[in-house]
Protein backbone atom coordinates (compact mmCIF):
# COMPACT_ATOMS: atom_id res chain seq x y z
CA MET A 1 17.29 218.55 79.25
CA ARG A 2 16.51 215.74 81.68
CA LEU A 3 12.91 214.59 82.17
CA ASN A 4 11.34 211.88 84.30
CA SER A 5 8.22 209.74 83.96
CA GLY A 6 5.14 211.88 84.54
CA ASP A 7 6.79 215.11 83.35
CA ARG A 8 5.24 216.94 80.39
CA ALA A 9 7.20 217.02 77.14
CA PRO A 10 8.27 220.62 76.44
CA LYS A 11 8.67 219.97 72.70
CA THR A 12 7.43 217.48 70.13
CA GLY A 13 10.16 215.09 69.09
CA SER A 14 12.34 212.13 69.95
CA TYR A 15 13.46 211.50 73.50
CA LYS A 16 16.18 209.02 74.50
CA VAL A 17 15.56 206.72 77.46
CA VAL A 18 18.83 206.83 79.40
CA ASN A 19 19.81 204.52 82.27
CA ALA A 20 21.86 205.38 85.38
CA ASP A 21 25.10 204.56 83.51
CA GLY A 22 24.28 207.15 80.82
CA LYS A 23 23.59 204.50 78.21
CA THR A 24 20.68 204.99 75.77
CA ILE A 25 18.37 201.98 76.02
CA ASN A 26 15.41 203.17 73.94
CA THR A 27 13.95 206.12 72.04
CA ILE A 28 10.36 207.38 72.04
CA TYR A 29 8.53 210.00 69.99
CA ILE A 30 6.08 212.18 71.91
CA GLY A 31 4.08 215.34 71.30
CA GLN A 32 4.45 218.65 73.13
CA GLY A 33 2.46 218.70 76.37
CA GLU A 34 2.05 214.92 76.52
CA THR A 35 3.02 213.07 79.70
CA MET A 36 6.26 211.10 79.59
CA PRO A 37 5.41 207.40 80.01
CA PRO A 38 6.84 205.13 82.71
CA THR A 39 10.29 203.71 81.96
CA GLN A 40 11.13 200.01 82.14
CA MET A 41 13.56 200.61 85.04
CA SER A 42 13.17 203.05 87.93
CA ASP A 43 16.63 204.61 87.50
CA CYS A 44 16.00 205.77 83.89
CA HIS A 45 15.21 209.26 82.62
CA TYR A 46 14.48 210.97 79.29
CA GLU A 47 16.66 213.35 77.29
CA TYR A 48 15.47 215.39 74.29
CA GLU A 49 17.02 214.33 70.99
CA GLY A 50 15.17 216.54 68.56
């Protein structure tokens, strides 16, 4: 599941911050329904970890 900044988290849990090369650069924990925060780089996205 790929999410971008500003999207709402579908589940509570850990989300990896992934760059354009597919490398994990950070992990965040966020609650269901919360807005995904901005990433440090514009080409990053979030993926649900669990």
